[in-house]
PDB file of all heavy atoms in Angstrom:
ATOM      1  N   CYS A   1     -16.353 -12.279  15.443  1.00  0.00           N
ATOM      2  CA  CYS A   1     -15.602 -13.439  14.998  1.00  0.00           C
ATOM      3  C   CYS A   1     -15.382 -14.305  16.185  1.00  0.00           C
ATOM      4  O   CYS A   1     -14.652 -13.923  17.138  1.00  0.00           O
ATOM      5  CB  CYS A   1     -14.279 -12.970  14.332  1.00  0.00           C
ATOM      6  SG  CYS A   1     -13.231 -14.346  13.818  1.00  0.00           S
ATOM      7  N   ALA A   2     -15.983 -15.481  16.217  1.00  0.00           N
ATOM      8  CA  ALA A   2     -15.842 -16.449  17.274  1.00  0.00           C
ATOM      9  C   ALA A   2     -14.746 -17.501  16.871  1.00  0.00           C
ATOM     10  O   ALA A   2     -14.884 -18.116  15.813  1.00  0.00           O
ATOM     11  CB  ALA A   2     -17.125 -17.100  17.603  1.00  0.00           C
ATOM     12  N   LEU A   3     -13.814 -17.679  17.745  1.00  0.00           N
ATOM     13  CA  LEU A   3     -12.745 -18.628  17.475  1.00  0.00           C
ATOM     14  C   LEU A   3     -12.767 -19.797  18.443  1.00  0.00           C
ATOM     15  O   LEU A   3     -13.075 -19.638  19.609  1.00  0.00           O
ATOM     16  CB  LEU A   3     -11.388 -17.936  17.589  1.00  0.00           C
ATOM     17  CG  LEU A   3     -11.114 -16.818  16.594  1.00  0.00           C
ATOM     18  CD1 LEU A   3     -11.452 -15.461  17.227  1.00  0.00           C
ATOM     19  CD2 LEU A   3      -9.682 -16.810  16.125  1.00  0.00           C
ATOM     20  N   SER A   4     -12.495 -20.969  17.943  1.00  0.00           N
ATOM     21  CA  SER A   4     -12.459 -22.155  18.790  1.00  0.00           C
ATOM     22  C   SER A   4     -11.388 -23.086  18.287  1.00  0.00           C
ATOM     23  O   SER A   4     -10.938 -22.982  17.154  1.00  0.00           O
ATOM     24  CB  SER A   4     -13.826 -22.926  18.732  1.00  0.00           C
ATOM     25  OG  SER A   4     -14.127 -23.323  17.444  1.00  0.00           O
ATOM     26  N   GLY A   5     -10.921 -23.970  19.180  1.00  0.00           N
ATOM     27  CA  GLY A   5      -9.889 -24.963  18.817  1.00  0.00           C
ATOM     28  C   GLY A   5      -8.481 -24.537  19.104  1.00  0.00           C
ATOM     29  O   GLY A   5      -7.585 -25.323  18.873  1.00  0.00           O
ATOM     30  N   PHE A   6      -8.234 -23.296  19.512  1.00  0.00           N
ATOM     31  CA  PHE A   6      -6.928 -22.827  19.868  1.00  0.00           C
ATOM     32  C   PHE A   6      -7.057 -21.633  20.848  1.00  0.00           C
ATOM     33  O   PHE A   6      -8.129 -21.044  21.035  1.00  0.00           O
ATOM     34  CB  PHE A   6      -6.110 -22.387  18.600  1.00  0.00           C
ATOM     35  CG  PHE A   6      -6.715 -21.234  17.891  1.00  0.00           C
ATOM     36  CD1 PHE A   6      -6.112 -19.977  18.047  1.00  0.00           C
ATOM     37  CD2 PHE A   6      -7.786 -21.359  17.045  1.00  0.00           C
ATOM     38  CE1 PHE A   6      -6.612 -18.870  17.392  1.00  0.00           C
ATOM     39  CE2 PHE A   6      -8.297 -20.247  16.363  1.00  0.00           C
ATOM     40  CZ  PHE A   6      -7.698 -19.008  16.551  1.00  0.00           C
ATOM     41  N   THR A   7      -5.929 -21.272  21.415  1.00  0.00           N
ATOM     42  CA  THR A   7      -5.885 -20.160  22.378  1.00  0.00           C
ATOM     43  C   THR A   7      -5.685 -18.835  21.601  1.00  0.00           C
ATOM     44  O   THR A   7      -4.722 -18.689  20.891  1.00  0.00           O
ATOM     45  CB  THR A   7      -4.783 -20.323  23.390  1.00  0.00           C
ATOM     46  OG1 THR A   7      -4.975 -21.567  24.105  1.00  0.00           O
ATOM     47  CG2 THR A   7      -4.708 -19.171  24.363  1.00  0.00           C
ATOM     48  N   LEU A   8      -6.640 -17.956  21.747  1.00  0.00           N
ATOM     49  CA  LEU A   8      -6.639 -16.662  20.987  1.00  0.00           C
ATOM     50  C   LEU A   8      -5.515 -15.769  21.421  1.00  0.00           C
ATOM     51  O   LEU A   8      -5.031 -14.984  20.584  1.00  0.00           O
ATOM     52  CB  LEU A   8      -8.007 -15.974  21.237  1.00  0.00           C
ATOM     53  CG  LEU A   8      -8.217 -14.689  20.474  1.00  0.00           C
ATOM     54  CD1 LEU A   8      -8.161 -14.853  18.990  1.00  0.00           C
ATOM     55  CD2 LEU A   8      -9.548 -14.062  20.926  1.00  0.00           C
ATOM     56  N   ASP A   9      -4.978 -15.891  22.604  1.00  0.00           N
ATOM     57  CA  ASP A   9      -3.995 -14.975  23.208  1.00  0.00           C
ATOM     58  C   ASP A   9      -2.799 -14.778  22.308  1.00  0.00           C
ATOM     59  O   ASP A   9      -2.204 -13.658  22.354  1.00  0.00           O
ATOM     60  CB  ASP A   9      -3.525 -15.489  24.549  1.00  0.00           C
ATOM     61  CG  ASP A   9      -4.665 -15.634  25.585  1.00  0.00           C
ATOM     62  OD1 ASP A   9      -5.836 -15.808  25.127  1.00  0.00           O
ATOM     63  OD2 ASP A   9      -4.393 -15.608  26.778  1.00  0.00           O
ATOM     64  N   TYR A  10      -2.373 -15.719  21.563  1.00  0.00           N
ATOM     65  CA  TYR A  10      -1.083 -15.691  20.881  1.00  0.00           C
ATOM     66  C   TYR A  10      -1.150 -15.148  19.444  1.00  0.00           C
ATOM     67  O   TYR A  10      -0.152 -15.041  18.756  1.00  0.00           O
ATOM     68  CB  TYR A  10      -0.427 -17.059  20.845  1.00  0.00           C
ATOM     69  CG  TYR A  10      -0.197 -17.609  22.228  1.00  0.00           C
ATOM     70  CD1 TYR A  10      -0.978 -18.641  22.699  1.00  0.00           C
ATOM     71  CD2 TYR A  10       0.811 -17.114  23.023  1.00  0.00           C
ATOM     72  CE1 TYR A  10      -0.775 -19.159  24.002  1.00  0.00           C
ATOM     73  CE2 TYR A  10       1.025 -17.620  24.326  1.00  0.00           C
ATOM     74  CZ  TYR A  10       0.222 -18.652  24.808  1.00  0.00           C
ATOM     75  OH  TYR A  10       0.448 -19.136  26.068  1.00  0.00           O
ATOM     76  N   TYR A  11      -2.338 -14.822  18.941  1.00  0.00           N
ATOM     77  CA  TYR A  11      -2.536 -14.574  17.532  1.00  0.00           C
ATOM     78  C   TYR A  11      -3.150 -13.245  17.293  1.00  0.00           C
ATOM     79  O   TYR A  11      -4.014 -12.761  18.004  1.00  0.00           O
ATOM     80  CB  TYR A  11      -3.344 -15.666  16.898  1.00  0.00           C
ATOM     81  CG  TYR A  11      -2.724 -16.991  17.030  1.00  0.00           C
ATOM     82  CD1 TYR A  11      -3.141 -17.953  18.015  1.00  0.00           C
ATOM     83  CD2 TYR A  11      -1.675 -17.430  16.218  1.00  0.00           C
ATOM     84  CE1 TYR A  11      -2.568 -19.187  18.152  1.00  0.00           C
ATOM     85  CE2 TYR A  11      -1.131 -18.681  16.343  1.00  0.00           C
ATOM     86  CZ  TYR A  11      -1.558 -19.543  17.347  1.00  0.00           C
ATOM     87  OH  TYR A  11      -0.965 -20.755  17.482  1.00  0.00           O
ATOM     88  N   ALA A  12      -2.677 -12.639  16.170  1.00  0.00           N
ATOM     89  CA  ALA A  12      -3.413 -11.468  15.634  1.00  0.00           C
ATOM     90  C   ALA A  12      -4.593 -11.886  14.816  1.00  0.00           C
ATOM     91  O   ALA A  12      -4.639 -12.982  14.269  1.00  0.00           O
ATOM     92  CB  ALA A  12      -2.442 -10.675  14.806  1.00  0.00           C
ATOM     93  N   ILE A  13      -5.623 -11.043  14.775  1.00  0.00           N
ATOM     94  CA  ILE A  13      -6.808 -11.298  14.024  1.00  0.00           C
ATOM     95  C   ILE A  13      -7.039 -10.174  13.022  1.00  0.00           C
ATOM     96  O   ILE A  13      -6.999  -8.962  13.426  1.00  0.00           O
ATOM     97  CB  ILE A  13      -8.061 -11.467  14.944  1.00  0.00           C
ATOM     98  CG1 ILE A  13      -7.808 -12.549  15.986  1.00  0.00           C
ATOM     99  CG2 ILE A  13      -9.283 -11.776  14.060  1.00  0.00           C
ATOM    100  CD1 ILE A  13      -7.642 -13.931  15.378  1.00  0.00           C
ATOM    101  N   GLY A  14      -7.256 -10.512  11.778  1.00  0.00           N
ATOM    102  CA  GLY A  14      -7.523  -9.542  10.742  1.00  0.00           C
ATOM    103  C   GLY A  14      -8.941  -9.681  10.215  1.00  0.00           C
ATOM    104  O   GLY A  14      -9.518 -10.758  10.216  1.00  0.00           O
ATOM    105  N   TRP A  15      -9.500  -8.526   9.855  1.00  0.00           N
ATOM    106  CA  TRP A  15     -10.764  -8.504   9.090  1.00  0.00           C
ATOM    107  C   TRP A  15     -10.495  -8.164   7.657  1.00  0.00           C
ATOM    108  O   TRP A  15      -9.741  -7.201   7.407  1.00  0.00           O
ATOM    109  CB  TRP A  15     -11.762  -7.510   9.751  1.00  0.00           C
ATOM    110  CG  TRP A  15     -12.413  -7.998  10.956  1.00  0.00           C
ATOM    111  CD1 TRP A  15     -12.091  -7.685  12.269  1.00  0.00           C
ATOM    112  CD2 TRP A  15     -13.580  -8.832  11.061  1.00  0.00           C
ATOM    113  NE1 TRP A  15     -12.959  -8.306  13.130  1.00  0.00           N
ATOM    114  CE2 TRP A  15     -13.898  -9.023  12.398  1.00  0.00           C
ATOM    115  CE3 TRP A  15     -14.398  -9.486  10.099  1.00  0.00           C
ATOM    116  CZ2 TRP A  15     -14.973  -9.797  12.821  1.00  0.00           C
ATOM    117  CZ3 TRP A  15     -15.454 -10.266  10.544  1.00  0.00           C
ATOM    118  CH2 TRP A  15     -15.714 -10.389  11.860  1.00  0.00           C
ATOM    119  N   PHE A  16     -11.161  -8.855   6.751  1.00  0.00           N
ATOM    120  CA  PHE A  16     -10.990  -8.605   5.327  1.00  0.00           C
ATOM    121  C   PHE A  16     -12.359  -8.531   4.705  1.00  0.00           C
ATOM    122  O   PHE A  16     -13.329  -8.924   5.246  1.00  0.00           O
ATOM    123  CB  PHE A  16     -10.161  -9.798   4.689  1.00  0.00           C
ATOM    124  CG  PHE A  16      -8.819  -9.932   5.218  1.00  0.00           C
ATOM    125  CD1 PHE A  16      -8.567 -10.594   6.452  1.00  0.00           C
ATOM    126  CD2 PHE A  16      -7.707  -9.361   4.561  1.00  0.00           C
ATOM    127  CE1 PHE A  16      -7.294 -10.704   6.986  1.00  0.00           C
ATOM    128  CE2 PHE A  16      -6.437  -9.522   5.091  1.00  0.00           C
ATOM    129  CZ  PHE A  16      -6.198 -10.199   6.268  1.00  0.00           C
ATOM    130  N   ARG A  17     -12.373  -7.959   3.496  1.00  0.00           N
ATOM    131  CA  ARG A  17     -13.625  -7.918   2.783  1.00  0.00           C
ATOM    132  C   ARG A  17     -13.396  -8.058   1.309  1.00  0.00           C
ATOM    133  O   ARG A  17     -12.307  -7.717   0.791  1.00  0.00           O
ATOM    134  CB  ARG A  17     -14.388  -6.577   3.056  1.00  0.00           C
ATOM    135  CG  ARG A  17     -13.700  -5.331   2.508  1.00  0.00           C
ATOM    136  CD  ARG A  17     -14.430  -4.089   2.976  1.00  0.00           C
ATOM    137  NE  ARG A  17     -13.730  -2.883   2.505  1.00  0.00           N
ATOM    138  CZ  ARG A  17     -14.056  -1.663   2.952  1.00  0.00           C
ATOM    139  NH1 ARG A  17     -14.989  -1.502   3.856  1.00  0.00           N
ATOM    140  NH2 ARG A  17     -13.391  -0.624   2.450  1.00  0.00           N
ATOM    141  N   GLN A  18     -14.414  -8.522   0.600  1.00  0.00           N
ATOM    142  CA  GLN A  18     -14.329  -8.652  -0.839  1.00  0.00           C
ATOM    143  C   GLN A  18     -15.684  -8.163  -1.431  1.00  0.00           C
ATOM    144  O   GLN A  18     -16.737  -8.736  -1.186  1.00  0.00           O
ATOM    145  CB  GLN A  18     -14.061 -10.073  -1.272  1.00  0.00           C
ATOM    146  CG  GLN A  18     -13.831 -10.216  -2.768  1.00  0.00           C
ATOM    147  CD  GLN A  18     -13.252 -11.586  -3.176  1.00  0.00           C
ATOM    148  OE1 GLN A  18     -13.372 -12.513  -2.414  1.00  0.00           O
ATOM    149  NE2 GLN A  18     -12.632 -11.631  -4.368  1.00  0.00           N
ATOM    150  N   ALA A  19     -15.577  -7.101  -2.177  1.00  0.00           N
ATOM    151  CA  ALA A  19     -16.732  -6.550  -2.831  1.00  0.00           C
ATOM    152  C   ALA A  19     -16.914  -7.110  -4.207  1.00  0.00           C
ATOM    153  O   ALA A  19     -15.941  -7.656  -4.811  1.00  0.00           O
ATOM    154  CB  ALA A  19     -16.591  -5.031  -2.912  1.00  0.00           C
ATOM    155  N   PRO A  20     -18.109  -7.086  -4.798  1.00  0.00           N
ATOM    156  CA  PRO A  20     -18.323  -7.581  -6.130  1.00  0.00           C
ATOM    157  C   PRO A  20     -17.403  -6.998  -7.157  1.00  0.00           C
ATOM    158  O   PRO A  20     -17.217  -5.792  -7.225  1.00  0.00           O
ATOM    159  CB  PRO A  20     -19.773  -7.211  -6.430  1.00  0.00           C
ATOM    160  CG  PRO A  20     -20.423  -7.105  -5.105  1.00  0.00           C
ATOM    161  CD  PRO A  20     -19.353  -6.541  -4.169  1.00  0.00           C
ATOM    162  N   GLY A  21     -16.682  -7.881  -7.905  1.00  0.00           N
ATOM    163  CA  GLY A  21     -15.798  -7.442  -8.935  1.00  0.00           C
ATOM    164  C   GLY A  21     -14.458  -6.913  -8.472  1.00  0.00           C
ATOM    165  O   GLY A  21     -13.684  -6.434  -9.253  1.00  0.00           O
ATOM    166  N   LYS A  22     -14.168  -7.055  -7.185  1.00  0.00           N
ATOM    167  CA  LYS A  22     -12.924  -6.590  -6.617  1.00  0.00           C
ATOM    168  C   LYS A  22     -12.200  -7.682  -5.915  1.00  0.00           C
ATOM    169  O   LYS A  22     -12.776  -8.689  -5.491  1.00  0.00           O
ATOM    170  CB  LYS A  22     -13.142  -5.403  -5.680  1.00  0.00           C
ATOM    171  CG  LYS A  22     -13.760  -4.150  -6.281  1.00  0.00           C
ATOM    172  CD  LYS A  22     -13.913  -3.028  -5.307  1.00  0.00           C
ATOM    173  CE  LYS A  22     -14.496  -1.808  -5.979  1.00  0.00           C
ATOM    174  NZ  LYS A  22     -14.631  -0.689  -5.000  1.00  0.00           N
ATOM    175  N   GLU A  23     -10.890  -7.475  -5.717  1.00  0.00           N
ATOM    176  CA  GLU A  23     -10.096  -8.379  -4.938  1.00  0.00           C
ATOM    177  C   GLU A  23     -10.329  -8.235  -3.475  1.00  0.00           C
ATOM    178  O   GLU A  23     -10.754  -7.142  -2.978  1.00  0.00           O
ATOM    179  CB  GLU A  23      -8.577  -8.234  -5.265  1.00  0.00           C
ATOM    180  CG  GLU A  23      -8.205  -8.555  -6.676  1.00  0.00           C
ATOM    181  CD  GLU A  23      -6.707  -8.439  -6.910  1.00  0.00           C
ATOM    182  OE1 GLU A  23      -5.990  -8.012  -6.025  1.00  0.00           O
ATOM    183  OE2 GLU A  23      -6.265  -8.820  -7.975  1.00  0.00           O
ATOM    184  N   ARG A  24     -10.018  -9.244  -2.670  1.00  0.00           N
ATOM    185  CA  ARG A  24     -10.118  -9.169  -1.209  1.00  0.00           C
ATOM    186  C   ARG A  24      -9.095  -8.174  -0.713  1.00  0.00           C
ATOM    187  O   ARG A  24      -7.970  -8.127  -1.138  1.00  0.00           O
ATOM    188  CB  ARG A  24      -9.910 -10.528  -0.643  1.00  0.00           C
ATOM    189  CG  ARG A  24     -10.118 -10.560   0.864  1.00  0.00           C
ATOM    190  CD  ARG A  24     -10.085 -11.976   1.381  1.00  0.00           C
ATOM    191  NE  ARG A  24      -8.865 -12.712   1.036  1.00  0.00           N
ATOM    192  CZ  ARG A  24      -8.733 -14.017   0.978  1.00  0.00           C
ATOM    193  NH1 ARG A  24      -9.804 -14.771   1.235  1.00  0.00           N
ATOM    194  NH2 ARG A  24      -7.627 -14.549   0.685  1.00  0.00           N
ATOM    195  N   GLU A  25      -9.535  -7.330   0.238  1.00  0.00           N
ATOM    196  CA  GLU A  25      -8.632  -6.390   0.827  1.00  0.00           C
ATOM    197  C   GLU A  25      -8.676  -6.418   2.333  1.00  0.00           C
ATOM    198  O   GLU A  25      -9.710  -6.838   2.920  1.00  0.00           O
ATOM    199  CB  GLU A  25      -9.010  -4.957   0.364  1.00  0.00           C
ATOM    200  CG  GLU A  25     -10.406  -4.502   0.816  1.00  0.00           C
ATOM    201  CD  GLU A  25     -10.744  -3.100   0.429  1.00  0.00           C
ATOM    202  OE1 GLU A  25      -9.814  -2.280   0.179  1.00  0.00           O
ATOM    203  OE2 GLU A  25     -11.911  -2.713   0.389  1.00  0.00           O
ATOM    204  N   GLY A  26      -7.615  -5.990   2.984  1.00  0.00           N
ATOM    205  CA  GLY A  26      -7.567  -5.945   4.372  1.00  0.00           C
ATOM    206  C   GLY A  26      -8.321  -4.725   4.893  1.00  0.00           C
ATOM    207  O   GLY A  26      -8.143  -3.616   4.371  1.00  0.00           O
ATOM    208  N   VAL A  27      -9.102  -4.890   5.969  1.00  0.00           N
ATOM    209  CA  VAL A  27      -9.867  -3.835   6.541  1.00  0.00           C
ATOM    210  C   VAL A  27      -9.268  -3.363   7.830  1.00  0.00           C
ATOM    211  O   VAL A  27      -9.059  -2.131   8.071  1.00  0.00           O
ATOM    212  CB  VAL A  27     -11.327  -4.272   6.785  1.00  0.00           C
ATOM    213  CG1 VAL A  27     -12.119  -3.224   7.474  1.00  0.00           C
ATOM    214  CG2 VAL A  27     -11.990  -4.682   5.493  1.00  0.00           C
ATOM    215  N   SER A  28      -8.913  -4.324   8.665  1.00  0.00           N
ATOM    216  CA  SER A  28      -8.377  -3.957  10.029  1.00  0.00           C
ATOM    217  C   SER A  28      -7.653  -5.161  10.563  1.00  0.00           C
ATOM    218  O   SER A  28      -7.896  -6.319  10.193  1.00  0.00           O
ATOM    219  CB  SER A  28      -9.477  -3.522  10.977  1.00  0.00           C
ATOM    220  OG  SER A  28      -9.035  -3.114  12.214  1.00  0.00           O
ATOM    221  N   CYS A  29      -6.796  -4.922  11.546  1.00  0.00           N
ATOM    222  CA  CYS A  29      -6.059  -5.988  12.241  1.00  0.00           C
ATOM    223  C   CYS A  29      -5.815  -5.596  13.704  1.00  0.00           C
ATOM    224  O   CYS A  29      -5.667  -4.406  13.940  1.00  0.00           O
ATOM    225  CB  CYS A  29      -4.733  -6.298  11.582  1.00  0.00           C
ATOM    226  SG  CYS A  29      -3.857  -7.724  12.251  1.00  0.00           S
ATOM    227  N   ILE A  30      -5.853  -6.528  14.594  1.00  0.00           N
ATOM    228  CA  ILE A  30      -5.574  -6.299  15.997  1.00  0.00           C
ATOM    229  C   ILE A  30      -4.554  -7.300  16.474  1.00  0.00           C
ATOM    230  O   ILE A  30      -4.594  -8.472  16.121  1.00  0.00           O
ATOM    231  CB  ILE A  30      -6.853  -6.366  16.861  1.00  0.00           C
ATOM    232  CG1 ILE A  30      -6.623  -5.937  18.302  1.00  0.00           C
ATOM    233  CG2 ILE A  30      -7.496  -7.801  16.759  1.00  0.00           C
ATOM    234  CD1 ILE A  30      -7.878  -5.698  19.064  1.00  0.00           C
ATOM    235  N   SER A  31      -3.566  -6.833  17.246  1.00  0.00           N
ATOM    236  CA  SER A  31      -2.485  -7.668  17.728  1.00  0.00           C
ATOM    237  C   SER A  31      -2.977  -8.607  18.761  1.00  0.00           C
ATOM    238  O   SER A  31      -4.116  -8.545  19.233  1.00  0.00           O
ATOM    239  CB  SER A  31      -1.258  -6.813  18.271  1.00  0.00           C
ATOM    240  OG  SER A  31      -1.715  -6.039  19.400  1.00  0.00           O
ATOM    241  N   SER A  32      -2.087  -9.533  19.153  1.00  0.00           N
ATOM    242  CA  SER A  32      -2.502 -10.641  20.069  1.00  0.00           C
ATOM    243  C   SER A  32      -3.024 -10.082  21.405  1.00  0.00           C
ATOM    244  O   SER A  32      -3.965 -10.647  21.998  1.00  0.00           O
ATOM    245  CB  SER A  32      -1.359 -11.637  20.314  1.00  0.00           C
ATOM    246  OG  SER A  32      -0.235 -10.956  20.815  1.00  0.00           O
ATOM    247  N   THR A  33      -2.417  -9.035  21.897  1.00  0.00           N
ATOM    248  CA  THR A  33      -2.829  -8.430  23.190  1.00  0.00           C
ATOM    249  C   THR A  33      -3.903  -7.367  23.023  1.00  0.00           C
ATOM    250  O   THR A  33      -4.460  -6.929  24.025  1.00  0.00           O
ATOM    251  CB  THR A  33      -1.603  -7.874  23.880  1.00  0.00           C
ATOM    252  OG1 THR A  33      -1.108  -6.774  23.193  1.00  0.00           O
ATOM    253  CG2 THR A  33      -0.530  -8.914  24.061  1.00  0.00           C
ATOM    254  N   GLY A  34      -4.095  -6.916  21.809  1.00  0.00           N
ATOM    255  CA  GLY A  34      -4.986  -5.802  21.597  1.00  0.00           C
ATOM    256  C   GLY A  34      -4.319  -4.439  21.719  1.00  0.00           C
ATOM    257  O   GLY A  34      -5.012  -3.435  21.532  1.00  0.00           O
ATOM    258  N   ALA A  35      -3.017  -4.460  21.976  1.00  0.00           N
ATOM    259  CA  ALA A  35      -2.308  -3.153  22.164  1.00  0.00           C
ATOM    260  C   ALA A  35      -2.186  -2.362  20.866  1.00  0.00           C
ATOM    261  O   ALA A  35      -2.116  -1.149  20.909  1.00  0.00           O
ATOM    262  CB  ALA A  35      -0.934  -3.430  22.762  1.00  0.00           C
ATOM    263  N   ASN A  36      -2.078  -3.031  19.749  1.00  0.00           N
ATOM    264  CA  ASN A  36      -1.918  -2.413  18.476  1.00  0.00           C
ATOM    265  C   ASN A  36      -3.074  -2.778  17.517  1.00  0.00           C
ATOM    266  O   ASN A  36      -3.465  -3.920  17.461  1.00  0.00           O
ATOM    267  CB  ASN A  36      -0.598  -2.846  17.846  1.00  0.00           C
ATOM    268  CG  ASN A  36       0.625  -2.379  18.640  1.00  0.00           C
ATOM    269  OD1 ASN A  36       0.667  -1.258  19.123  1.00  0.00           O
ATOM    270  ND2 ASN A  36       1.559  -3.323  18.861  1.00  0.00           N
TER     271      ASN A  36
END
């Protein structure tokens, strides 16, 4: 996931997925520092 237009340091990033016939679900998340 490549981000542009803002500083990444302050934000958490989540990965989500949506399979056919299903609602979007959260897969993973990482905190702003990567500690969590």
